[in-house]
């Protein structure tokens, strides 16, 4: 009896297994998070992890591809990207001989696209299934990826986590911050192959080049109108759907475009950010400033095609055209330079 008690005591004192020790170590490590992000409050166990995380807020991407100029947050992401250019596929399947750029790849059986992680494959497959598991808590919009939902919800919350290092402007997206900061640096990496125009972002170049090619890849699902930019299509489709996702924080007015909301809210705040370079007058939008400055410059961009007379404002030209309409009805048109 004593012997069995002794044995049970020994069993109870059995040293921790390697896996249990590992679990305890990581549990302890998770509990200690000394390095906190000043932007969003996220905590990290090491300073290096915090520094990498901070790149999300600053938009910094220190690892650049020598082939296309694409930038990355981490060196591992650049390494994976480089296989696109090198076409290097050192890993072969022992069953069928098919080669892959990564040792472990996850393939979509619908389109045969391959991914470096199971999570990326899962996200991709939602394109085929149409699954949108992430719903906005402020409206009825749904998304296939949690990151897309997070970005969308910033429209409602007004959160702008990305701050410019040159001025006080803040942005919802890191890409918008990056594009904005190039205004300060003057950097324009991307040159048009048809003309000498240069652009801050490859997406701006791509959109611009469609002016030369005439390509309009984005078609409205309600009518036959086509657009060269997906954002223009999205804005246009709101005419059909009646969607007005942008609500004024001062009154109940809603808008289909964020720029229209921004301009409207200046009525409430009294903000007039556009100042005339010739006098002290200020305006709520750039178009009003442009029209006003014609008083100083004498610019008259609207010309009558009947008599050649020019006007500063289109409304003045329209009023003038009535003279010709009486003389020669249905034989006149408005020309603007």
Protein backbone atom coordinates (compact mmCIF):
# COMPACT_ATOMS: atom_id res chain seq x y z
CA UNK A 1 0.00 0.00 0.00
CA UNK A 2 2.76 2.41 0.97
CA UNK A 3 4.63 1.40 -2.17
CA UNK A 4 1.65 2.28 -4.41
CA UNK A 5 1.24 5.65 -2.65
CA UNK A 6 4.90 6.32 -3.21
CA UNK A 7 4.57 5.45 -6.90
CA UNK A 8 1.56 7.76 -7.33
CA UNK A 9 3.51 10.56 -5.67
CA UNK A 10 6.36 10.01 -8.14
CA UNK A 11 3.87 10.11 -11.00
CA UNK A 12 2.52 13.42 -9.77
CA UNK A 13 6.01 14.92 -9.65
CA UNK A 14 6.76 13.86 -13.23
CA UNK A 15 8.73 16.64 -15.02
CA UNK A 16 6.90 18.79 -17.58
CA UNK A 17 7.01 17.48 -21.15
CA UNK A 18 8.76 19.49 -23.86
CA UNK A 19 5.42 20.53 -25.43
CA UNK A 20 4.02 21.67 -22.06
CA UNK A 21 7.18 23.65 -21.33
CA UNK A 22 6.91 25.27 -24.75
CA UNK A 23 3.26 26.14 -24.15
CA UNK A 24 4.10 27.67 -20.75
CA UNK A 25 6.92 29.69 -22.31
CA UNK A 26 4.70 31.17 -25.02
CA UNK A 27 1.88 31.80 -22.54
CA UNK A 28 4.30 33.71 -20.33
CA UNK A 29 5.72 35.54 -23.32
CA UNK A 30 2.26 36.53 -24.55
CA UNK A 31 1.47 37.99 -21.16
CA UNK A 32 4.51 40.27 -21.32
CA UNK A 33 3.98 42.86 -24.02
CA UNK A 34 6.09 45.86 -23.19
CA UNK A 35 6.12 47.64 -26.57
CA UNK A 36 2.89 49.48 -27.41
CA UNK A 37 1.95 51.22 -30.67
CA UNK A 38 1.17 54.91 -30.08
CA UNK A 39 -1.16 54.95 -33.09
CA UNK A 40 -3.57 52.08 -32.39
CA UNK A 41 -2.63 50.72 -28.94
CA UNK A 42 -1.50 47.26 -30.11
CA UNK A 43 1.20 45.71 -27.92
CA UNK A 44 4.24 43.61 -28.85
CA UNK A 45 6.79 41.47 -27.04
CA UNK A 46 9.79 42.89 -28.92
CA UNK A 47 10.76 46.33 -30.16
CA UNK A 48 11.57 44.91 -33.63
CA UNK A 49 7.99 43.59 -33.95
CA UNK A 50 6.66 47.03 -32.99
CA UNK A 51 8.91 48.71 -35.59
CA UNK A 52 7.64 46.35 -38.33
CA UNK A 53 4.04 47.02 -37.22
CA UNK A 54 4.58 50.81 -37.31
CA UNK A 55 5.16 50.53 -41.07
CA UNK A 56 1.43 49.84 -41.43
CA UNK A 57 0.72 53.35 -40.06
CA UNK A 58 3.59 55.20 -41.75
CA UNK A 59 3.15 53.42 -45.08
CA UNK A 60 6.89 52.68 -45.13
CA UNK A 61 7.85 49.77 -47.38
CA UNK A 62 11.64 49.50 -47.23
CA UNK A 63 12.02 46.39 -49.41
CA UNK A 64 11.85 47.26 -53.10
CA UNK A 65 11.74 44.98 -56.15
CA UNK A 66 14.55 45.75 -58.65
CA UNK A 67 12.38 44.55 -61.55
CA UNK A 68 9.16 46.54 -61.18
CA UNK A 69 9.67 48.94 -58.26
CA UNK A 70 6.99 47.30 -56.10
CA UNK A 71 7.65 47.84 -52.39
CA UNK A 72 7.06 45.56 -49.42
CA UNK A 73 6.83 45.77 -45.62
CA UNK A 74 8.88 42.61 -45.08
CA UNK A 75 11.85 41.04 -46.86
CA UNK A 76 10.04 37.67 -46.89
CA UNK A 77 7.19 39.21 -48.93
CA UNK A 78 9.72 40.65 -51.44
CA UNK A 79 11.41 37.23 -51.72
CA UNK A 80 8.08 35.58 -52.53
CA UNK A 81 7.23 38.34 -55.04
CA UNK A 82 10.57 37.99 -56.90
CA UNK A 83 9.58 34.52 -58.13
CA UNK A 84 7.02 36.28 -60.38
CA UNK A 85 9.91 37.86 -62.33
CA UNK A 86 12.47 35.07 -62.17
CA UNK A 87 9.86 32.38 -63.01
CA UNK A 88 12.00 30.18 -60.81
CA UNK A 89 10.18 27.01 -59.73
CA UNK A 90 12.71 24.86 -57.91
CA UNK A 91 10.19 22.56 -56.21
CA UNK A 92 8.74 19.66 -58.23
CA UNK A 93 5.88 17.30 -57.43
CA UNK A 94 7.13 13.70 -57.20
CA UNK A 95 3.79 12.39 -58.51
CA UNK A 96 3.15 14.48 -61.64
CA UNK A 97 6.36 16.51 -62.11
CA UNK A 98 4.61 19.91 -61.88
CA UNK A 99 6.98 22.64 -60.63
CA UNK A 100 6.28 25.32 -58.02
CA UNK A 101 8.04 28.48 -56.86
CA UNK A 102 7.41 27.65 -53.18
CA UNK A 103 7.99 24.41 -51.32
CA UNK A 104 4.42 24.38 -50.04
CA UNK A 105 1.77 25.86 -52.33
CA UNK A 106 -2.00 25.74 -52.10
CA UNK A 107 -3.81 25.39 -55.41
CA UNK A 108 -7.33 26.48 -56.29
CA UNK A 109 -9.06 23.63 -58.14
CA UNK A 110 -11.40 26.08 -59.90
CA UNK A 111 -8.75 28.09 -61.75
CA UNK A 112 -5.41 26.40 -60.79
CA UNK A 113 -4.04 29.57 -59.16
CA UNK A 114 -1.51 28.81 -56.43
CA UNK A 115 -1.03 30.50 -53.06
CA UNK A 116 1.68 30.52 -50.43
CA UNK A 117 -0.71 29.98 -47.50
CA UNK A 118 -3.97 28.10 -46.90
CA UNK A 119 -5.54 31.35 -45.64
CA UNK A 120 -4.76 33.15 -48.94
CA UNK A 121 -6.31 30.25 -50.88
CA UNK A 122 -9.42 30.38 -48.66
CA UNK A 123 -9.79 34.12 -49.30
CA UNK A 124 -9.32 33.61 -53.06
CA UNK A 125 -11.94 30.83 -53.26
CA UNK A 126 -14.59 33.29 -52.12
CA UNK A 127 -14.30 34.88 -55.61
CA UNK A 128 -15.70 31.62 -57.00
CA UNK A 129 -18.25 30.92 -54.24
CA UNK A 130 -19.39 34.53 -53.81
CA UNK A 131 -19.19 34.09 -50.04
CA UNK A 132 -19.04 37.35 -48.05
CA UNK A 133 -18.92 36.39 -44.37
CA UNK A 134 -17.95 39.82 -43.01
CA UNK A 135 -20.83 42.27 -42.52
CA UNK A 136 -20.53 45.96 -41.71
CA UNK A 137 -21.95 46.85 -38.27
CA UNK A 138 -23.08 50.26 -39.59
CA UNK A 139 -24.74 49.31 -42.91
CA UNK A 140 -25.75 46.18 -44.88
CA UNK A 141 -22.56 45.89 -46.91
CA UNK A 142 -20.75 42.55 -46.80
CA UNK A 143 -17.14 41.63 -47.64
CA UNK A 144 -15.16 38.52 -48.53
CA UNK A 145 -12.17 39.60 -46.42
CA UNK A 146 -12.03 40.96 -42.86
CA UNK A 147 -9.39 43.51 -43.93
CA UNK A 148 -11.78 44.95 -46.56
CA UNK A 149 -14.50 45.26 -43.89
CA UNK A 150 -12.06 47.02 -41.54
CA UNK A 151 -11.14 49.55 -44.26
CA UNK A 152 -14.81 50.09 -45.21
CA UNK A 153 -15.91 50.72 -41.60
CA UNK A 154 -13.51 53.67 -41.42
CA UNK A 155 -15.97 55.50 -43.73
CA UNK A 156 -18.52 55.32 -40.90
CA UNK A 157 -16.17 55.81 -37.93
CA UNK A 158 -14.04 58.50 -39.58
CA UNK A 159 -10.88 56.69 -38.40
CA UNK A 160 -7.74 57.76 -40.27
CA UNK A 161 -4.79 55.81 -38.80
CA UNK A 162 -2.18 56.88 -41.36
CA UNK A 163 -0.58 60.28 -40.70
CA UNK A 164 1.64 62.23 -43.10
CA UNK A 165 5.18 62.76 -41.78
CA UNK A 166 5.37 66.15 -43.57
CA UNK A 167 2.03 67.70 -42.58
CA UNK A 168 -0.97 67.00 -40.32
CA UNK A 169 -3.09 65.22 -42.95
CA UNK A 170 -4.41 61.76 -42.07
CA UNK A 171 -5.69 58.95 -44.30
CA UNK A 172 -7.89 55.86 -44.14
CA UNK A 173 -5.58 53.83 -46.38
CA UNK A 174 -1.79 53.43 -46.37
CA UNK A 175 -1.84 53.68 -50.17
CA UNK A 176 -3.51 57.09 -49.95
CA UNK A 177 -0.83 58.24 -47.48
CA UNK A 178 1.92 57.01 -49.81
CA UNK A 179 0.39 58.85 -52.79
CA UNK A 180 -0.04 62.01 -50.71
CA UNK A 181 3.54 62.03 -49.38
CA UNK A 182 4.85 62.03 -52.93
CA UNK A 183 3.28 65.50 -53.25
CA UNK A 184 5.85 66.64 -50.66
CA UNK A 185 8.78 64.68 -52.13
CA UNK A 186 7.86 65.33 -55.78
CA UNK A 187 8.67 61.70 -56.57
CA UNK A 188 7.10 60.38 -59.80
CA UNK A 189 8.44 56.94 -60.65
CA UNK A 190 6.05 55.90 -63.39
CA UNK A 191 6.36 57.34 -66.94
CA UNK A 192 3.75 57.03 -69.70
CA UNK A 193 4.95 55.02 -72.72
CA UNK A 194 2.88 57.23 -75.07
CA UNK A 195 3.80 60.71 -73.77
CA UNK A 196 6.16 62.38 -71.28
CA UNK A 197 3.74 62.45 -68.37
CA UNK A 198 4.95 60.92 -65.10
CA UNK A 199 2.92 59.61 -62.14
CA UNK A 200 3.36 58.92 -58.45
CA UNK A 201 1.59 55.55 -58.58
CA UNK A 202 1.50 52.72 -61.13
CA UNK A 203 -2.32 52.69 -60.87
CA UNK A 204 -2.41 56.38 -61.94
CA UNK A 205 -0.17 55.56 -64.92
CA UNK A 206 -2.36 52.60 -65.92
CA UNK A 207 -5.51 54.74 -65.78
CA UNK A 208 -3.80 57.55 -67.75
CA UNK A 209 -2.59 55.20 -70.51
CA UNK A 210 -6.20 54.23 -71.20
CA UNK A 211 -6.63 57.80 -72.56
CA UNK A 212 -4.18 56.82 -75.31
CA UNK A 213 -5.53 53.29 -75.89
CA UNK A 214 -9.21 54.23 -75.44
CA UNK A 215 -9.69 51.23 -73.15
CA UNK A 216 -12.66 51.37 -70.77
CA UNK A 217 -12.69 48.02 -68.98
CA UNK A 218 -15.35 48.85 -66.36
CA UNK A 219 -18.96 48.47 -67.61
CA UNK A 220 -22.07 49.54 -65.72
CA UNK A 221 -24.33 46.60 -64.83
CA UNK A 222 -27.43 48.81 -65.26
CA UNK A 223 -26.68 50.55 -68.58
CA UNK A 224 -24.12 50.46 -71.41
CA UNK A 225 -21.81 53.13 -70.02
CA UNK A 226 -18.16 52.15 -69.66
CA UNK A 227 -15.38 53.66 -67.54
CA UNK A 228 -11.59 53.63 -67.43
CA UNK A 229 -11.57 53.63 -63.60
CA UNK A 230 -13.40 51.29 -61.23
CA UNK A 231 -13.99 54.19 -58.80
CA UNK A 232 -15.80 56.14 -61.57
CA UNK A 233 -17.98 53.09 -62.29
CA UNK A 234 -18.80 52.70 -58.58
CA UNK A 235 -19.77 56.38 -58.32
CA UNK A 236 -21.85 56.18 -61.52
CA UNK A 237 -23.77 53.06 -60.39
CA UNK A 238 -25.06 54.97 -57.38
CA UNK A 239 -27.21 56.97 -59.86
CA UNK A 240 -29.05 53.70 -60.57
CA UNK A 241 -29.09 52.29 -57.03
CA UNK A 242 -29.75 55.59 -55.27
CA UNK A 243 -27.13 54.67 -52.69
CA UNK A 244 -25.87 57.58 -50.61
CA UNK A 245 -23.40 56.14 -48.07
CA UNK A 246 -21.96 59.47 -46.90
CA UNK A 247 -24.01 61.24 -44.23
CA UNK A 248 -23.44 64.76 -42.94
CA UNK A 249 -22.48 64.84 -39.25
CA UNK A 250 -24.28 68.19 -38.81
CA UNK A 251 -27.59 67.49 -40.59
CA UNK A 252 -29.50 64.59 -42.20
CA UNK A 253 -28.26 65.16 -45.74
CA UNK A 254 -26.65 62.19 -47.49
CA UNK A 255 -24.30 62.04 -50.49
CA UNK A 256 -23.19 59.49 -53.07
CA UNK A 257 -19.60 60.80 -53.06
CA UNK A 258 -17.30 61.55 -50.12
CA UNK A 259 -16.03 64.69 -51.92
CA UNK A 260 -19.61 66.06 -52.09
CA UNK A 261 -20.04 65.43 -48.35
CA UNK A 262 -16.74 67.14 -47.58
CA UNK A 263 -17.74 70.21 -49.62
CA UNK A 264 -21.22 70.30 -48.02
CA UNK A 265 -19.87 70.10 -44.45
CA UNK A 266 -17.88 73.27 -45.07
CA UNK A 267 -21.25 75.12 -45.13
CA UNK A 268 -21.66 74.09 -41.48
CA UNK A 269 -18.06 74.59 -40.37
CA UNK A 270 -17.49 77.78 -42.35
CA UNK A 271 -14.16 76.37 -43.61
CA UNK A 272 -12.91 77.97 -46.82
CA UNK A 273 -9.59 76.30 -47.66
CA UNK A 274 -9.17 77.78 -51.15
CA UNK A 275 -7.68 81.30 -51.12
CA UNK A 276 -7.39 83.60 -54.11
CA UNK A 277 -3.76 84.32 -55.05
CA UNK A 278 -4.71 87.87 -56.12
CA UNK A 279 -6.92 89.01 -53.22
CA UNK A 280 -8.03 87.86 -49.76
CA UNK A 281 -11.22 86.12 -50.86
CA UNK A 282 -11.62 82.47 -49.82
CA UNK A 283 -13.85 79.68 -51.19
CA UNK A 284 -15.23 76.31 -50.07
CA UNK A 285 -14.21 74.51 -53.30
CA UNK A 286 -11.53 74.76 -55.98
CA UNK A 287 -14.02 75.27 -58.85
CA UNK A 288 -15.42 78.42 -57.19
CA UNK A 289 -11.88 79.74 -56.71
CA UNK A 290 -11.02 78.99 -60.36
CA UNK A 291 -14.07 80.91 -61.58
CA UNK A 292 -13.31 83.85 -59.26
CA UNK A 293 -9.65 84.12 -60.35
CA UNK A 294 -10.80 84.75 -63.95
CA UNK A 295 -11.90 88.21 -62.74
CA UNK A 296 -8.21 88.94 -62.00
CA UNK A 297 -6.60 87.09 -64.94
CA UNK A 298 -9.15 88.11 -67.58
CA UNK A 299 -9.29 84.49 -68.82
CA UNK A 300 -12.30 83.83 -71.05
CA UNK A 301 -12.42 80.11 -71.88
CA UNK A 302 -15.99 80.02 -73.28
CA UNK A 303 -16.23 81.13 -76.92
CA UNK A 304 -19.25 81.73 -79.14
CA UNK A 305 -18.92 79.79 -82.43
CA UNK A 306 -21.15 82.30 -84.21
CA UNK A 307 -19.29 85.56 -83.62
CA UNK A 308 -16.09 84.58 -81.80
CA UNK A 309 -16.92 86.53 -78.64
CA UNK A 310 -15.42 85.01 -75.47
CA UNK A 311 -16.71 84.89 -71.90
CA UNK A 312 -15.33 84.10 -68.45
CA UNK A 313 -18.38 82.09 -67.43
CA UNK A 314 -20.45 79.51 -69.30
CA UNK A 315 -23.68 81.08 -67.98
CA UNK A 316 -22.70 84.41 -69.64
CA UNK A 317 -22.06 82.63 -72.96
CA UNK A 318 -25.44 80.86 -72.75
CA UNK A 319 -27.19 84.22 -72.18
CA UNK A 320 -25.28 85.70 -75.14
CA UNK A 321 -26.23 82.76 -77.43
CA UNK A 322 -29.89 83.74 -77.16
CA UNK A 323 -29.09 86.72 -79.43
CA UNK A 324 -28.04 84.32 -82.19
CA UNK A 325 -30.92 81.95 -81.45
CA UNK A 326 -33.34 84.74 -82.41
CA UNK A 327 -31.33 85.49 -85.58
CA UNK A 328 -30.63 81.86 -86.63
CA UNK A 329 -32.68 79.39 -84.60
CA UNK A 330 -31.19 75.85 -84.19
CA UNK A 331 -27.86 76.85 -85.81
CA UNK A 332 -25.59 77.54 -82.90
CA UNK A 333 -23.44 75.68 -80.40
CA UNK A 334 -21.33 76.44 -77.35
CA UNK A 335 -17.58 76.02 -77.49
CA UNK A 336 -15.34 75.92 -74.44
CA UNK A 337 -11.58 75.87 -74.63
